[in-house]
Amino acid sequence: MEQRFCQSCGMPLVEGNIGTNSDGSKSKDYCGYCYKGGVFLQDFNMSQMIEFCTQFTDQINKETGWNLTPQQAKAQMQQIFPTLKRWKEKDERSLIEKAIHLLSQCKEVTLASVNAEGFPRPVPLDKIHSLGCNEVWVVTAADSEKVADFRLNPKAGLSYSFYGDSVALRGTVEIITDDITCKRMWQEYFINYFPAGPADSNYVLIRFIGNEATIWINREFAHITI
């Protein structure tokens, strides 16, 4: 019998790892790690899928009898994946549209301020809202060093990434303290940090807007002005 391979991740299809269609029947093309009930289980592009699969090299070796290192597995995927059914169709979205989607996949961003000595201070923060690929809102404490930096210098850098794809932005920030916006952006878990709720004097929002972007998504690269 001809060996079939998952047309998403390249895994050999064997009894026990075959995916299912929306009607419950077995898929002819996809494994159960990628496809179940007629939908893909990961919202990835090809390069993200390669990064995702590489971390399971030991499991792949066990199921296939191969003996690949993660580096060898990744190199093999980079050769094979462009030939697979899921990735053959070209993604016609613009790079900006892809960056918008990438940001929607990210729960965390890294925001960098410039301190009084002129050194960058990068800090990972939860993303609470975003618009497009270059506007990001985060929450922080009014008495933090980051806010002190931004009160002196609103210039900032922000980056986000997801399974190997990334966007790095340069722009400026605005410190938001008005009651209406703070109440609108309030989320339940903030109470762990601001016990007085939306009226807590230490609760502030930071709105970052980037005007320059370096984008690396699915092997496409560009430096653009937004």
Protein backbone atom coordinates (compact mmCIF):
# COMPACT_ATOMS: atom_id res chain seq x y z
CA MET A 1 0.00 0.00 0.00
CA GLU A 2 1.29 3.45 -0.90
CA GLN A 3 2.41 5.45 2.13
CA ARG A 4 0.39 8.64 2.60
CA PHE A 5 1.58 11.72 4.45
CA CYS A 6 -0.32 14.46 6.24
CA GLN A 7 -0.72 17.34 3.81
CA SER A 8 -0.27 19.82 6.67
CA CYS A 9 2.68 18.57 8.75
CA GLY A 10 4.18 15.75 6.64
CA MET A 11 3.58 13.09 9.29
CA PRO A 12 3.13 9.57 7.79
CA LEU A 13 -0.57 8.66 8.02
CA VAL A 14 -1.11 5.41 9.87
CA GLU A 15 -4.08 3.83 11.59
CA GLY A 16 -4.54 5.73 14.87
CA ASN A 17 -3.34 9.16 13.80
CA ILE A 18 -5.73 10.01 10.96
CA GLY A 19 -7.78 13.19 11.21
CA THR A 20 -11.54 13.44 10.77
CA ASN A 21 -13.83 15.37 8.46
CA SER A 22 -16.87 17.39 9.59
CA ASP A 23 -19.10 14.32 9.19
CA GLY A 24 -16.80 12.19 11.36
CA SER A 25 -15.31 10.24 8.47
CA LYS A 26 -11.56 9.77 8.21
CA SER A 27 -9.62 12.42 6.31
CA LYS A 28 -7.69 11.27 3.26
CA ASP A 29 -5.18 14.10 3.61
CA TYR A 30 -4.58 15.12 7.22
CA CYS A 31 -3.49 13.66 10.55
CA GLY A 32 -5.39 14.02 13.81
CA TYR A 33 -2.74 16.35 15.22
CA CYS A 34 -3.57 18.91 12.51
CA TYR A 35 -7.18 18.29 11.57
CA LYS A 36 -10.25 17.25 13.53
CA GLY A 37 -13.94 17.59 12.80
CA GLY A 38 -13.23 19.26 9.48
CA VAL A 39 -11.12 22.12 10.86
CA PHE A 40 -7.42 22.74 11.32
CA LEU A 41 -6.41 22.73 14.98
CA GLN A 42 -3.73 25.42 14.61
CA ASP A 43 -4.19 28.82 12.98
CA PHE A 44 -0.70 28.83 11.44
CA ASN A 45 1.04 29.83 8.26
CA MET A 46 3.68 27.49 6.87
CA SER A 47 6.70 28.88 8.73
CA GLN A 48 4.79 28.90 12.03
CA MET A 49 3.79 25.28 11.46
CA ILE A 50 7.43 24.34 10.89
CA GLU A 51 8.47 26.03 14.15
CA PHE A 52 5.58 24.36 15.97
CA CYS A 53 6.34 20.88 14.63
CA THR A 54 10.08 21.13 15.30
CA GLN A 55 9.48 21.07 19.05
CA PHE A 56 7.92 17.59 18.67
CA THR A 57 10.95 16.03 16.95
CA ASP A 58 11.27 13.30 19.60
CA GLN A 59 7.63 12.31 19.16
CA ILE A 60 7.99 12.34 15.37
CA ASN A 61 11.04 10.06 15.64
CA LYS A 62 9.13 7.69 17.91
CA GLU A 63 6.14 7.40 15.58
CA THR A 64 8.16 7.12 12.36
CA GLY A 65 11.30 5.27 13.42
CA TRP A 66 13.41 8.19 12.22
CA ASN A 67 16.38 9.53 14.18
CA LEU A 68 16.44 13.21 13.33
CA THR A 69 17.82 16.08 15.37
CA PRO A 70 15.54 19.14 15.67
CA GLN A 71 17.80 20.95 13.18
CA GLN A 72 17.55 18.07 10.69
CA ALA A 73 13.80 17.82 11.17
CA LYS A 74 13.37 21.55 10.56
CA ALA A 75 15.54 21.47 7.43
CA GLN A 76 13.53 18.51 6.12
CA MET A 77 10.23 20.31 6.79
CA GLN A 78 11.46 23.42 4.99
CA GLN A 79 11.99 21.26 1.91
CA ILE A 80 8.79 19.22 2.14
CA PHE A 81 6.15 21.66 3.39
CA PRO A 82 5.95 23.82 0.23
CA THR A 83 4.86 20.67 -1.65
CA LEU A 84 2.01 19.82 0.75
CA LYS A 85 -1.63 20.50 -0.14
CA ARG A 86 -2.27 22.91 2.74
CA TRP A 87 0.67 25.16 1.85
CA LYS A 88 0.67 24.98 -1.96
CA GLU A 89 -1.95 27.70 -2.28
CA LYS A 90 -0.26 31.11 -2.15
CA ASP A 91 -1.32 33.47 0.62
CA GLU A 92 -2.45 36.54 -1.30
CA ARG A 93 -2.78 38.83 1.73
CA SER A 94 -0.49 41.87 1.90
CA LEU A 95 2.35 41.83 4.41
CA ILE A 96 0.47 44.42 6.50
CA GLU A 97 -2.59 42.16 6.57
CA LYS A 98 -0.39 39.28 7.68
CA ALA A 99 1.11 41.48 10.41
CA ILE A 100 -2.38 42.37 11.64
CA HIS A 101 -3.22 38.68 11.89
CA LEU A 102 0.08 37.97 13.64
CA LEU A 103 -0.69 40.61 16.28
CA SER A 104 -4.13 39.05 16.83
CA GLN A 105 -2.36 35.75 17.66
CA CYS A 106 -0.15 37.36 20.32
CA LYS A 107 -1.25 37.70 23.93
CA GLU A 108 1.99 39.41 24.96
CA VAL A 109 4.17 42.15 23.49
CA THR A 110 7.53 43.63 24.48
CA LEU A 111 7.45 47.39 25.01
CA ALA A 112 10.73 49.31 25.30
CA SER A 113 11.08 52.76 26.85
CA VAL A 114 14.24 54.89 26.97
CA ASN A 115 15.45 55.65 30.49
CA ALA A 116 17.07 58.85 31.76
CA GLU A 117 20.54 57.51 30.89
CA GLY A 118 19.51 56.84 27.29
CA PHE A 119 19.33 53.05 27.60
CA PRO A 120 16.34 51.03 26.30
CA ARG A 121 14.22 49.29 28.92
CA PRO A 122 12.29 46.40 27.26
CA VAL A 123 9.47 44.85 29.30
CA PRO A 124 7.07 42.03 28.35
CA LEU A 125 3.44 43.04 28.89
CA ASP A 126 -0.02 41.63 28.26
CA LYS A 127 -1.70 43.07 25.18
CA ILE A 128 -5.20 44.23 26.13
CA HIS A 129 -6.24 45.78 22.80
CA SER A 130 -4.83 46.35 19.33
CA LEU A 131 -5.80 48.06 16.10
CA GLY A 132 -4.17 47.25 12.79
CA CYS A 133 -0.60 46.04 13.04
CA ASN A 134 0.86 49.07 14.83
CA GLU A 135 -1.49 50.27 17.59
CA VAL A 136 -1.24 48.38 20.87
CA TRP A 137 -2.71 49.09 24.30
CA VAL A 138 -1.24 47.75 27.55
CA VAL A 139 -1.98 48.33 31.21
CA THR A 140 0.61 49.25 33.82
CA ALA A 141 1.15 51.04 37.13
CA ALA A 142 1.42 54.82 37.30
CA ASP A 143 4.37 54.54 39.70
CA SER A 144 6.37 52.16 37.45
CA GLU A 145 9.78 53.02 36.01
CA LYS A 146 8.32 52.53 32.56
CA VAL A 147 5.75 55.28 33.04
CA ALA A 148 8.44 57.55 34.50
CA ASP A 149 10.50 56.95 31.36
CA PHE A 150 7.60 57.76 29.07
CA ARG A 151 6.73 60.94 30.93
CA LEU A 152 10.24 62.18 30.07
CA ASN A 153 10.45 60.67 26.58
CA PRO A 154 7.44 59.29 24.66
CA LYS A 155 9.60 57.52 22.06
CA ALA A 156 9.25 53.75 22.26
CA GLY A 157 9.84 50.42 20.57
CA LEU A 158 7.44 47.51 20.54
CA SER A 159 7.77 43.97 19.20
CA TYR A 160 5.61 40.89 18.98
CA SER A 161 6.24 37.38 17.71
CA PHE A 162 4.55 34.02 17.30
CA TYR A 163 6.31 30.77 16.35
CA GLY A 164 9.17 32.41 14.46
CA ASP A 165 7.27 35.27 12.78
CA SER A 166 7.84 38.75 14.19
CA VAL A 167 7.18 42.47 13.88
CA ALA A 168 9.33 45.20 15.44
CA LEU A 169 7.97 48.75 15.60
CA ARG A 170 9.30 52.20 16.41
CA GLY A 171 6.90 54.89 17.50
CA THR A 172 5.53 56.87 20.42
CA VAL A 173 3.28 56.27 23.41
CA GLU A 174 0.48 58.14 25.12
CA ILE A 175 -0.26 57.64 28.81
CA ILE A 176 -4.03 57.35 29.23
CA THR A 177 -5.66 58.25 32.55
CA ASP A 178 -9.12 59.58 31.69
CA ASP A 179 -11.95 57.85 33.55
CA ILE A 180 -14.08 56.97 30.53
CA THR A 181 -11.31 55.18 28.65
CA CYS A 182 -9.95 53.48 31.77
CA LYS A 183 -13.41 52.12 32.61
CA ARG A 184 -13.97 50.98 29.02
CA MET A 185 -10.64 49.11 28.91
CA TRP A 186 -10.96 47.59 32.39
CA GLN A 187 -10.72 43.79 32.57
CA GLU A 188 -11.64 41.64 35.54
CA TYR A 189 -8.16 40.34 36.23
CA PHE A 190 -6.81 43.89 36.65
CA ILE A 191 -8.28 43.82 40.18
CA ASN A 192 -5.30 41.66 41.21
CA TYR A 193 -3.04 44.64 40.57
CA PHE A 194 -5.38 47.58 41.16
CA PRO A 195 -7.60 46.68 44.15
CA ALA A 196 -9.56 49.94 43.98
CA GLY A 197 -10.83 49.04 40.52
CA PRO A 198 -10.97 51.43 37.55
CA ALA A 199 -10.72 54.38 39.94
CA ASP A 200 -7.41 53.13 41.39
CA SER A 201 -4.96 56.02 41.19
CA ASN A 202 -2.16 53.65 40.20
CA TYR A 203 -4.07 52.25 37.19
CA VAL A 204 -3.00 53.71 33.84
CA LEU A 205 -3.10 52.64 30.22
CA ILE A 206 -0.38 53.02 27.62
CA ARG A 207 -1.32 53.43 23.98
CA PHE A 208 1.54 52.74 21.58
CA ILE A 209 1.40 53.77 17.91
CA GLY A 210 4.20 52.67 15.61
CA ASN A 211 5.22 54.59 12.50
CA GLU A 212 8.04 52.31 11.30
CA ALA A 213 7.90 48.53 11.11
CA THR A 214 10.32 45.71 10.40
CA ILE A 215 8.24 42.67 9.44
CA TRP A 216 9.37 39.05 9.08
CA ILE A 217 6.48 36.72 8.32
CA ASN A 218 6.53 33.35 6.56
CA ARG A 219 9.93 34.11 4.96
CA GLU A 220 8.80 37.54 3.75
CA PHE A 221 10.78 40.54 5.02
CA ALA A 222 10.19 44.27 4.74
CA HIS A 223 11.01 47.53 6.51
CA ILE A 224 8.17 49.97 5.98
CA THR A 225 6.84 53.33 7.09
CA ILE A 226 3.26 53.17 8.29
